[in-house]
Amino acid sequence: MATSSSSLHPPHLNLPPTMSLSPLTFPPPSTPSPYPTPPSRPIYSDRFIPLRSASNFALFGIGDEKSLSSSQSPEEAARGAAYRAALRRALFGESAVKGGRIFRFMTETRRVILTPWPKEMESGGGGTVVAGTSSVSPAKTPRKIARSPYKVLDAPALQDDFYLNLVDWSSHNVLSVGLGNCVYLWNASSSKVFMIKIFSVQVTKLCDLGMDDSVCSVGWAQRGTYLAVGTNEGKVQIWDASRCKRVRTMEGHRLRVGALAWSSSVLSSGSRDKNILLRDIRAQDDYISKLNGHKSEVCGLKWSYDNRELASGGNDNRLFVWNQNSTQPMLKYCEHTAAVKAIAWSPHVHGLLVSGGGTADRCIRFWNTTTNTHLSCMDTGSQVCNLAWSGNVNELVSTHGYSQNQIIVWKYPTMSKLATLTGHTYRVLYLAISPDGQTIVTGAGDETLRFWNVFPSPKSQNTGSQFGAFSHGRSQIR
């Protein structure tokens, strides 16, 4: 004989007819307990599942409109419909007002929401939050970089030679430029050109090498006022700019000296004779060590920030890394397919080196000299002439020649382009950074020097450089 479910189960439970309702009780303990025994109560082993048909939606005014309005006048039904629509909209959103079911399965739409977090994440740049995910990145306004130079200087006789290094910026904010057979100094703080005194006579031509020689490279010491000048005849001159006096002339190279790099009191010089000479300006000898390895002209030299490693690039498409205790390179990189002039060490990561290749290569490559690994490669599409890291942010700038003659500011490590600057009509062969790390100067065969504000200040990325205070204009450096 079938028994109704209502006789077996309490009316407030929705149990299947085949499920028996048997209360569970615990047997009394074998030994008397010092605590009073609580009264036994039934424990059910099923969870409560409500029935939709038993729900009283009419109590909240959100049930079926036909059943609700059957016992109401037309005026009351109209007011009730408006109230229910407003209530649905407030509780369940617009979709419930349009007749959608309150509880339904659907594919969640991923919404992109901008976030106000100002903290810069590791990847940098702006960011989004995707609803339903845990990945959060900040919504940050990209830094604006002026697309035009704030100052242009005429530089007559600035050579259009890929293998030379004729522009450098000192820690005292003095720019040195090699023009023909002379060297000029430009004080960026006062925006005035002043000359080196030769034989106690002030002249317009600086460090005149004569008609039979020319300037091939210039390089400021890391600290102080010493300036090294490499010549076409293979000599290296040391000048004290504060006293406007030549300190000494050092020989050792047989051909032109196109690359210079300082490491404290040690000056390294690279030449077309394929050799690199290490010179201690405190010693009496012209050089203390000779580094052999390149098979063609040495056109790029850079010391690491800890002054322990020297990177050199040559026209033999090779990039070498040397230490102070060996005359042979400890690391050799041969991946470039053109001359390697552009070299720069990261001031942020120890052992991170970047190099750029010439016209047949066009690539920027990153190296970890600590682990001797090739990290990545970026094809820029044009000849890479110079590279320089920003000391204020993890960014770098590259200048290019054939065929676009542009300047690019990159974000590392994503290598996303922050700005592409144009204006030079010839290859951008020369690059230097101001001592505050905010301004760069570029030189080209179009005989102009252009000053750009590209990097933020160390304290605030929104603070402009003091060098940007100059009005836009064009001046002549001599």
Protein backbone atom coordinates (compact mmCIF):
# COMPACT_ATOMS: atom_id res chain seq x y z
CA MET A 1 0.00 0.00 0.00
CA ALA A 2 1.50 3.31 -1.09
CA THR A 3 2.01 5.85 1.59
CA SER A 4 1.86 9.56 0.77
CA SER A 5 4.99 11.55 1.16
CA SER A 6 3.27 13.98 3.49
CA SER A 7 2.74 11.22 6.04
CA LEU A 8 6.40 10.22 6.04
CA HIS A 9 8.11 13.56 5.82
CA PRO A 10 7.60 16.87 7.52
CA PRO A 11 5.79 19.34 5.27
CA HIS A 12 8.74 21.72 5.12
CA LEU A 13 11.10 19.19 3.47
CA ASN A 14 11.14 18.21 -0.20
CA LEU A 15 12.50 14.67 -0.09
CA PRO A 16 12.03 12.09 -2.84
CA PRO A 17 9.38 9.47 -2.05
CA THR A 18 11.98 6.69 -2.07
CA MET A 19 14.08 8.35 0.65
CA SER A 20 13.30 7.17 4.13
CA LEU A 21 13.31 9.50 7.08
CA SER A 22 15.01 7.73 9.94
CA PRO A 23 16.40 9.77 12.80
CA LEU A 24 19.92 9.05 13.91
CA THR A 25 20.61 8.66 17.62
CA PHE A 26 23.80 8.01 19.53
CA PRO A 27 23.90 5.06 21.96
CA PRO A 28 24.58 5.88 25.60
CA PRO A 29 28.21 5.61 26.65
CA SER A 30 29.37 2.41 28.33
CA THR A 31 30.70 4.34 31.30
CA PRO A 32 28.83 7.07 33.13
CA SER A 33 29.77 10.56 31.99
CA PRO A 34 30.32 13.34 34.48
CA TYR A 35 28.51 15.71 32.13
CA PRO A 36 24.76 15.70 31.61
CA THR A 37 23.67 13.89 28.47
CA PRO A 38 21.92 16.25 26.01
CA PRO A 39 18.60 15.10 24.66
CA SER A 40 18.80 13.24 21.37
CA ARG A 41 17.54 14.96 18.22
CA PRO A 42 17.14 13.77 14.64
CA ILE A 43 20.01 14.47 12.22
CA TYR A 44 19.12 14.41 8.54
CA SER A 45 21.67 13.44 5.92
CA ASP A 46 20.31 15.50 3.02
CA ARG A 47 20.63 19.22 2.19
CA PHE A 48 17.60 21.47 1.80
CA ILE A 49 16.65 22.19 -1.83
CA PRO A 50 13.78 24.67 -2.22
CA LEU A 51 11.09 24.19 -4.83
CA ARG A 52 10.41 27.09 -7.15
CA SER A 53 6.71 26.34 -7.04
CA ALA A 54 6.71 26.70 -3.25
CA SER A 55 8.38 30.14 -3.35
CA ASN A 56 6.04 33.04 -2.66
CA PHE A 57 7.32 35.68 -5.10
CA ALA A 58 4.04 37.54 -4.75
CA LEU A 59 5.05 38.45 -1.22
CA PHE A 60 7.84 40.63 -2.65
CA GLY A 61 5.93 41.85 -5.68
CA ILE A 62 8.24 40.18 -8.21
CA GLY A 63 6.14 37.21 -9.21
CA ASP A 64 4.15 36.57 -12.37
CA GLU A 65 2.32 39.74 -13.36
CA LYS A 66 -0.74 37.84 -14.64
CA SER A 67 -1.30 36.05 -11.33
CA LEU A 68 -0.69 39.24 -9.38
CA SER A 69 -3.01 41.46 -11.43
CA SER A 70 -5.93 38.98 -11.62
CA SER A 71 -7.35 40.16 -8.30
CA GLN A 72 -6.50 43.88 -8.75
CA SER A 73 -8.20 46.81 -10.45
CA PRO A 74 -6.58 48.22 -13.61
CA GLU A 75 -5.25 51.25 -11.71
CA GLU A 76 -3.75 49.11 -8.97
CA ALA A 77 -2.33 46.72 -11.55
CA ALA A 78 -0.63 49.60 -13.41
CA ARG A 79 0.87 51.00 -10.22
CA GLY A 80 1.96 47.53 -9.17
CA ALA A 81 3.59 46.88 -12.54
CA ALA A 82 5.61 50.09 -12.28
CA TYR A 83 6.65 49.26 -8.75
CA ARG A 84 7.66 45.72 -9.70
CA ALA A 85 9.70 46.99 -12.65
CA ALA A 86 11.57 49.43 -10.42
CA LEU A 87 12.13 46.73 -7.83
CA ARG A 88 13.41 44.26 -10.42
CA ARG A 89 15.76 46.87 -11.82
CA ALA A 90 17.15 47.69 -8.37
CA LEU A 91 17.58 44.07 -7.34
CA PHE A 92 18.49 42.19 -10.49
CA GLY A 93 19.57 44.74 -13.08
CA GLU A 94 18.23 45.79 -16.43
CA SER A 95 18.12 42.25 -17.86
CA ALA A 96 15.45 41.21 -15.32
CA VAL A 97 13.26 44.18 -16.30
CA LYS A 98 13.42 43.14 -19.95
CA GLY A 99 11.82 39.82 -19.07
CA GLY A 100 14.86 37.65 -18.49
CA ARG A 101 14.85 34.97 -15.85
CA ILE A 102 16.28 35.89 -12.50
CA PHE A 103 18.32 32.68 -12.12
CA ARG A 104 19.82 31.46 -15.37
CA PHE A 105 23.00 29.95 -16.77
CA MET A 106 24.92 32.13 -19.20
CA THR A 107 28.44 32.80 -20.47
CA GLU A 108 30.07 35.52 -18.43
CA THR A 109 31.18 38.54 -20.43
CA ARG A 110 34.75 39.65 -19.65
CA ARG A 111 34.66 43.34 -18.85
CA VAL A 112 37.68 45.61 -19.09
CA ILE A 113 37.77 48.12 -16.25
CA LEU A 114 40.38 50.83 -15.90
CA THR A 115 42.00 50.90 -12.49
CA PRO A 116 43.19 53.94 -10.53
CA TRP A 117 46.25 52.29 -8.97
CA PRO A 118 49.26 54.61 -9.37
CA LYS A 119 51.85 51.98 -8.47
CA GLU A 120 53.97 51.00 -11.44
CA MET A 121 54.04 47.28 -12.07
CA GLU A 122 57.14 45.41 -13.29
CA SER A 123 55.98 45.39 -16.91
CA GLY A 124 55.40 49.16 -16.86
CA GLY A 125 52.95 51.21 -18.85
CA GLY A 126 49.17 51.37 -18.53
CA GLY A 127 47.03 48.45 -17.53
CA THR A 128 43.57 46.99 -17.02
CA VAL A 129 41.59 44.73 -14.73
CA VAL A 130 39.61 41.90 -16.29
CA ALA A 131 36.49 41.00 -14.32
CA GLY A 132 36.62 37.49 -12.97
CA THR A 133 40.41 37.30 -13.06
CA SER A 134 43.11 37.95 -10.50
CA SER A 135 45.59 39.76 -12.77
CA VAL A 136 45.80 43.45 -11.90
CA SER A 137 47.89 46.09 -13.64
CA PRO A 138 47.76 49.86 -13.18
CA ALA A 139 46.05 52.32 -15.43
CA LYS A 140 48.84 54.81 -15.92
CA THR A 141 48.93 57.75 -18.28
CA PRO A 142 51.84 57.31 -20.72
CA ARG A 143 54.63 59.83 -20.30
CA LYS A 144 54.57 62.49 -22.98
CA ILE A 145 57.82 62.87 -24.91
CA ALA A 146 58.26 65.94 -27.07
CA ARG A 147 58.57 64.97 -30.72
CA SER A 148 60.74 67.95 -31.62
CA PRO A 149 64.08 69.16 -30.23
CA TYR A 150 64.03 72.12 -27.89
CA LYS A 151 67.34 73.42 -29.24
CA VAL A 152 69.34 73.03 -32.45
CA LEU A 153 73.00 73.96 -32.89
CA ASP A 154 74.77 74.26 -36.20
CA ALA A 155 77.91 72.12 -36.24
CA PRO A 156 79.86 72.86 -39.42
CA ALA A 157 82.28 70.14 -40.54
CA LEU A 158 80.71 67.47 -38.30
CA GLN A 159 81.85 64.36 -40.14
CA ASP A 160 79.44 61.81 -41.57
CA ASP A 161 81.58 58.83 -40.55
CA PHE A 162 79.99 55.81 -38.83
CA TYR A 163 83.25 54.76 -37.12
CA LEU A 164 83.93 58.05 -35.27
CA ASN A 165 82.72 59.28 -31.86
CA LEU A 166 82.75 63.08 -31.91
CA VAL A 167 80.25 64.10 -29.19
CA ASP A 168 80.39 63.62 -25.41
CA TRP A 169 78.74 65.27 -22.37
CA SER A 170 80.68 65.74 -19.13
CA SER A 171 79.51 65.36 -15.53
CA HIS A 172 79.96 69.15 -15.21
CA ASN A 173 77.37 69.75 -17.94
CA VAL A 174 79.86 70.68 -20.66
CA LEU A 175 79.42 69.30 -24.16
CA SER A 176 82.48 68.54 -26.28
CA VAL A 177 82.26 68.31 -30.07
CA GLY A 178 84.93 67.49 -32.61
CA LEU A 179 84.54 69.53 -35.79
CA GLY A 180 87.15 68.96 -38.44
CA ASN A 181 90.54 69.47 -36.82
CA CYS A 182 89.17 71.38 -33.78
CA VAL A 183 87.38 70.61 -30.54
CA TYR A 184 84.65 72.90 -29.21
CA LEU A 185 83.16 73.00 -25.74
CA TRP A 186 79.59 74.14 -25.12
CA ASN A 187 78.43 74.93 -21.58
CA ALA A 188 74.85 73.69 -21.38
CA SER A 189 74.23 75.50 -18.09
CA SER A 190 74.99 78.95 -19.45
CA SER A 191 74.28 78.11 -23.10
CA LYS A 192 77.50 79.82 -24.14
CA VAL A 193 80.35 78.60 -26.28
CA PHE A 194 83.81 78.99 -24.86
CA MET A 195 87.20 78.00 -26.21
CA ILE A 196 90.30 76.22 -24.92
CA LYS A 197 93.30 78.50 -24.62
CA ILE A 198 96.24 77.30 -26.66
CA PHE A 199 99.59 78.90 -25.87
CA SER A 200 97.71 81.33 -23.54
CA VAL A 201 95.85 82.81 -26.49
CA GLN A 202 92.05 82.41 -26.71
CA VAL A 203 90.99 81.44 -30.23
CA THR A 204 87.75 80.39 -31.91
CA LYS A 205 89.15 77.04 -33.02
CA LEU A 206 89.57 74.64 -30.14
CA CYS A 207 92.47 72.25 -29.89
CA ASP A 208 93.51 72.89 -33.46
CA LEU A 209 95.34 69.81 -34.75
CA GLY A 210 96.52 71.47 -37.95
CA MET A 211 95.70 70.89 -41.57
CA ASP A 212 97.36 67.44 -41.59
CA ASP A 213 95.29 65.96 -38.74
CA SER A 214 91.68 65.78 -37.62
CA VAL A 215 89.62 64.87 -34.57
CA CYS A 216 88.26 61.30 -34.57
CA SER A 217 86.95 60.91 -31.02
CA VAL A 218 86.36 62.80 -27.78
CA GLY A 219 85.70 61.44 -24.30
CA TRP A 220 85.26 63.01 -20.88
CA ALA A 221 86.64 61.42 -17.75
CA GLN A 222 83.92 60.08 -15.45
CA ARG A 223 84.76 62.69 -12.82
CA GLY A 224 86.75 65.85 -13.10
CA THR A 225 87.48 68.01 -16.11
CA TYR A 226 89.85 65.86 -18.16
CA LEU A 227 88.97 65.44 -21.83
CA ALA A 228 90.62 62.87 -24.12
CA VAL A 229 90.93 63.60 -27.83
CA GLY A 230 91.70 60.87 -30.36
CA THR A 231 93.32 61.98 -33.61
CA ASN A 232 93.55 60.72 -37.15
CA GLU A 233 97.31 60.21 -36.76
CA GLY A 234 96.82 57.71 -33.94
CA LYS A 235 97.60 59.99 -30.99
CA VAL A 236 95.58 60.63 -27.85
CA GLN A 237 95.69 64.06 -26.22
CA ILE A 238 94.59 64.74 -22.63
CA TRP A 239 93.20 68.20 -21.87
CA ASP A 240 92.30 69.78 -18.55
CA ALA A 241 89.27 71.87 -19.45
CA SER A 242 89.20 73.72 -16.13
CA ARG A 243 92.66 75.17 -16.82
CA CYS A 244 92.27 75.16 -20.60
CA LYS A 245 95.55 73.29 -20.85
CA ARG A 246 96.78 70.18 -22.63
CA VAL A 247 98.20 67.79 -20.04
CA ARG A 248 99.96 65.27 -22.28
CA THR A 249 100.00 63.50 -25.62
CA MET A 250 100.18 59.71 -25.77
CA GLU A 251 101.11 57.52 -28.70
CA GLY A 252 100.94 53.80 -29.43
CA HIS A 253 98.46 53.48 -32.29
CA ARG A 254 99.54 53.44 -35.91
CA LEU A 255 96.18 54.57 -37.33
CA ARG A 256 93.27 56.78 -36.31
CA VAL A 257 91.74 56.51 -32.82
CA GLY A 258 87.96 56.39 -33.23
CA ALA A 259 86.85 55.13 -29.81
CA LEU A 260 87.63 56.22 -26.23
CA ALA A 261 86.38 55.05 -22.83
CA TRP A 262 87.38 56.01 -19.29
CA SER A 263 87.57 53.83 -16.17
CA SER A 264 88.67 56.05 -13.29
CA SER A 265 92.24 57.06 -14.21
CA VAL A 266 92.55 54.39 -16.92
CA LEU A 267 91.74 55.41 -20.48
CA SER A 268 91.12 52.81 -23.18
CA SER A 269 91.50 53.72 -26.84
CA GLY A 270 90.41 51.76 -29.90
CA SER A 271 91.97 52.23 -33.30
CA ARG A 272 91.78 51.29 -36.93
CA ASP A 273 94.97 49.28 -36.31
CA LYS A 274 92.66 46.67 -34.61
CA ASN A 275 94.22 47.18 -31.17
CA ILE A 276 92.90 48.46 -27.86
CA LEU A 277 95.36 50.23 -25.57
CA LEU A 278 94.85 50.72 -21.84
CA ARG A 279 96.49 53.90 -20.60
CA ASP A 280 96.97 55.02 -17.01
CA ILE A 281 97.35 58.77 -17.17
CA ARG A 282 99.25 58.66 -13.86
CA ALA A 283 101.94 56.42 -15.36
CA GLN A 284 104.84 57.67 -17.43
CA ASP A 285 104.38 55.07 -20.19
CA ASP A 286 101.99 55.77 -23.03
CA TYR A 287 100.05 52.58 -22.31
CA ILE A 288 100.11 49.79 -19.74
CA SER A 289 98.41 47.02 -21.72
CA LYS A 290 97.49 46.09 -25.28
CA LEU A 291 94.36 44.06 -26.07
CA ASN A 292 94.41 41.98 -29.24
CA GLY A 293 91.39 40.20 -30.70
CA HIS A 294 89.58 42.25 -33.30
CA LYS A 295 90.29 41.62 -36.98
CA SER A 296 89.21 45.07 -38.12
CA GLU A 297 88.79 48.62 -36.84
CA VAL A 298 87.62 49.06 -33.24
CA CYS A 299 84.71 51.51 -33.33
CA GLY A 300 82.94 50.99 -29.99
CA LEU A 301 84.23 50.92 -26.38
CA LYS A 302 82.31 51.01 -23.07
CA TRP A 303 83.34 50.19 -19.50
CA SER A 304 80.79 48.61 -17.16
CA TYR A 305 79.56 50.69 -14.24
CA ASP A 306 81.69 48.74 -11.77
CA ASN A 307 84.75 49.32 -14.00
CA ARG A 308 85.50 45.59 -14.12
CA GLU A 309 84.52 44.75 -17.70
CA LEU A 310 85.27 46.47 -20.99
CA ALA A 311 83.01 45.84 -23.99
CA SER A 312 84.41 46.46 -27.46
CA GLY A 313 82.82 46.37 -30.90
CA GLY A 314 84.52 46.31 -34.24
CA ASN A 315 84.09 46.41 -37.98
CA ASP A 316 84.67 42.64 -37.91
CA ASN A 317 81.08 42.24 -36.63
CA ARG A 318 82.37 41.05 -33.27
CA LEU A 319 81.47 42.04 -29.73
CA PHE A 320 84.10 41.22 -27.09
CA VAL A 321 84.11 41.54 -23.31
CA TRP A 322 87.46 41.96 -21.52
CA ASN A 323 88.56 42.13 -17.92
CA GLN A 324 91.47 44.04 -16.44
CA ASN A 325 93.64 40.98 -15.89
CA SER A 326 93.81 39.52 -19.40
CA THR A 327 94.92 40.62 -22.84
CA GLN A 328 92.49 38.21 -24.50
CA PRO A 329 88.69 38.59 -24.48
CA MET A 330 86.91 36.48 -21.89
CA LEU A 331 83.62 36.57 -23.87
CA LYS A 332 83.13 36.60 -27.63
CA TYR A 333 79.81 37.26 -29.35
CA CYS A 334 79.59 36.74 -33.10
CA GLU A 335 75.83 36.97 -33.77
CA HIS A 336 75.93 40.41 -35.40
CA THR A 337 76.28 40.50 -39.18
CA ALA A 338 77.59 44.08 -39.46
CA ALA A 339 79.90 46.46 -37.63
CA VAL A 340 79.22 46.85 -33.91
CA LYS A 341 79.59 50.47 -32.82
CA ALA A 342 76.56 50.86 -30.53
CA ILE A 343 77.34 49.44 -27.05
CA ALA A 344 75.83 50.23 -23.64
CA TRP A 345 75.83 48.69 -20.15
CA SER A 346 72.66 48.73 -18.07
CA PRO A 347 72.91 50.82 -14.89
CA HIS A 348 70.02 48.82 -13.41
CA VAL A 349 71.05 45.16 -13.86
CA HIS A 350 74.58 43.93 -13.27
CA GLY A 351 76.08 42.27 -16.33
CA LEU A 352 73.33 43.35 -18.75
CA LEU A 353 74.89 44.51 -22.03
CA VAL A 354 73.17 45.78 -25.18
CA SER A 355 74.72 46.11 -28.63
CA GLY A 356 73.59 47.20 -32.07
CA GLY A 357 74.66 46.24 -35.58
CA GLY A 358 75.18 48.25 -38.74
CA THR A 359 73.32 48.40 -42.02
CA ALA A 360 73.49 44.69 -42.86
CA ASP A 361 72.39 43.70 -39.35
CA ARG A 362 69.96 46.35 -38.01
CA CYS A 363 69.46 44.41 -34.76
CA ILE A 364 69.65 45.32 -31.08
CA ARG A 365 70.84 42.37 -28.99
CA PHE A 366 70.89 41.89 -25.23
CA TRP A 367 73.50 39.83 -23.39
CA ASN A 368 74.00 38.60 -19.85
CA THR A 369 77.75 38.65 -19.36
CA THR A 370 77.43 37.06 -15.92
CA THR A 371 75.94 33.84 -17.35
CA ASN A 372 77.34 34.32 -20.87
CA THR A 373 73.93 34.08 -22.51
CA HIS A 374 72.22 35.80 -25.42
CA LEU A 375 68.95 37.12 -24.00
CA SER A 376 67.00 38.58 -26.91
CA CYS A 377 67.16 40.27 -30.31
CA MET A 378 65.13 43.12 -31.79
CA ASP A 379 65.21 43.92 -35.52
CA THR A 380 64.92 47.71 -35.78
CA GLY A 381 64.78 47.88 -39.57
CA SER A 382 67.65 50.35 -39.88
CA GLN A 383 71.33 50.80 -39.07
CA VAL A 384 71.96 51.05 -35.31
CA CYS A 385 74.49 53.85 -34.67
CA ASN A 386 74.28 54.44 -30.90
CA LEU A 387 72.71 53.04 -27.76
CA ALA A 388 72.39 54.55 -24.28
CA TRP A 389 70.56 53.51 -21.12
CA SER A 390 68.66 55.94 -18.94
CA GLY A 391 69.95 56.08 -15.40
CA ASN A 392 66.59 57.34 -14.09
CA VAL A 393 64.20 54.69 -15.49
CA ASN A 394 64.59 51.29 -17.10
CA GLU A 395 64.55 52.65 -20.64
CA LEU A 396 67.08 53.11 -23.42
CA VAL A 397 67.48 55.20 -26.53
CA SER A 398 68.86 54.19 -29.91
CA THR A 399 69.86 56.31 -32.91
CA HIS A 400 69.71 55.04 -36.45
CA GLY A 401 71.10 55.61 -39.90
CA TYR A 402 70.13 53.96 -43.15
CA SER A 403 67.41 54.19 -43.99
CA GLN A 404 65.18 56.07 -41.55
CA ASN A 405 67.58 58.36 -39.60
CA GLN A 406 65.36 58.22 -36.50
CA ILE A 407 65.76 58.22 -32.72
CA ILE A 408 63.77 55.64 -30.74
CA VAL A 409 63.06 55.52 -27.01
CA TRP A 410 62.43 51.96 -25.78
CA LYS A 411 60.91 50.50 -22.62
CA TYR A 412 62.91 47.57 -21.24
CA PRO A 413 62.38 44.62 -21.05
CA THR A 414 59.24 44.73 -23.21
CA MET A 415 61.09 46.74 -25.89
CA SER A 416 57.95 48.68 -26.64
CA LYS A 417 58.48 51.98 -28.43
CA LEU A 418 57.76 54.99 -26.24
CA ALA A 419 58.64 57.56 -28.91
CA THR A 420 60.13 57.84 -32.37
CA LEU A 421 61.88 61.15 -32.99
CA THR A 422 62.74 62.47 -36.42
CA GLY A 423 64.33 65.63 -37.75
CA HIS A 424 67.84 64.72 -38.86
CA THR A 425 68.25 64.38 -42.60
CA TYR A 426 71.44 62.28 -42.36
CA ARG A 427 72.45 59.30 -40.26
CA VAL A 428 72.23 60.02 -36.52
CA LEU A 429 75.83 59.00 -35.81
CA TYR A 430 76.44 60.71 -32.45
CA LEU A 431 74.66 60.54 -29.10
CA ALA A 432 75.30 61.76 -25.56
CA ILE A 433 73.22 62.08 -22.37
CA SER A 434 73.18 65.06 -20.02
CA PRO A 435 74.49 64.55 -16.46
CA ASP A 436 70.97 64.72 -15.00
CA GLY A 437 69.91 61.89 -17.29
CA GLN A 438 66.94 63.71 -18.79
CA THR A 439 68.27 65.22 -22.02
CA ILE A 440 70.03 63.67 -24.99
CA VAL A 441 71.96 65.38 -27.74
CA THR A 442 72.23 63.84 -31.19
CA GLY A 443 74.53 64.74 -34.06
CA ALA A 444 74.39 63.85 -37.73
CA GLY A 445 76.06 64.42 -41.06
CA ASP A 446 73.54 67.20 -41.69
CA GLU A 447 75.91 69.27 -39.47
CA THR A 448 73.40 69.86 -36.68
CA LEU A 449 73.24 69.00 -32.99
CA ARG A 450 69.71 68.52 -31.67
CA PHE A 451 68.69 68.47 -27.99
CA TRP A 452 65.72 66.37 -26.89
CA ASN A 453 63.96 65.93 -23.55
CA VAL A 454 63.23 62.20 -23.48
CA PHE A 455 63.74 60.80 -19.95
CA PRO A 456 62.09 61.76 -16.66
CA SER A 457 63.95 63.08 -13.65
CA PRO A 458 65.08 60.61 -10.97
CA LYS A 459 62.54 61.93 -8.42
CA SER A 460 59.49 62.55 -10.57
CA GLN A 461 58.69 61.38 -14.07
CA ASN A 462 56.63 64.50 -14.64
CA THR A 463 59.38 67.01 -13.89
CA GLY A 464 60.93 68.62 -16.94
CA SER A 465 64.63 68.92 -17.45
CA GLN A 466 66.38 72.15 -16.56
CA PHE A 467 67.89 72.08 -20.02
CA GLY A 468 64.44 72.26 -21.53
CA ALA A 469 64.06 75.82 -20.31
CA PHE A 470 65.81 77.11 -23.39
CA SER A 471 63.48 78.46 -26.02
CA HIS A 472 63.21 76.74 -29.34
CA GLY A 473 65.79 78.13 -31.63
CA ARG A 474 68.83 77.53 -33.73
CA SER A 475 72.32 78.63 -32.77
CA GLN A 476 75.77 78.11 -34.20
CA ILE A 477 78.34 76.27 -32.15
CA ARG A 478 81.20 78.20 -33.68
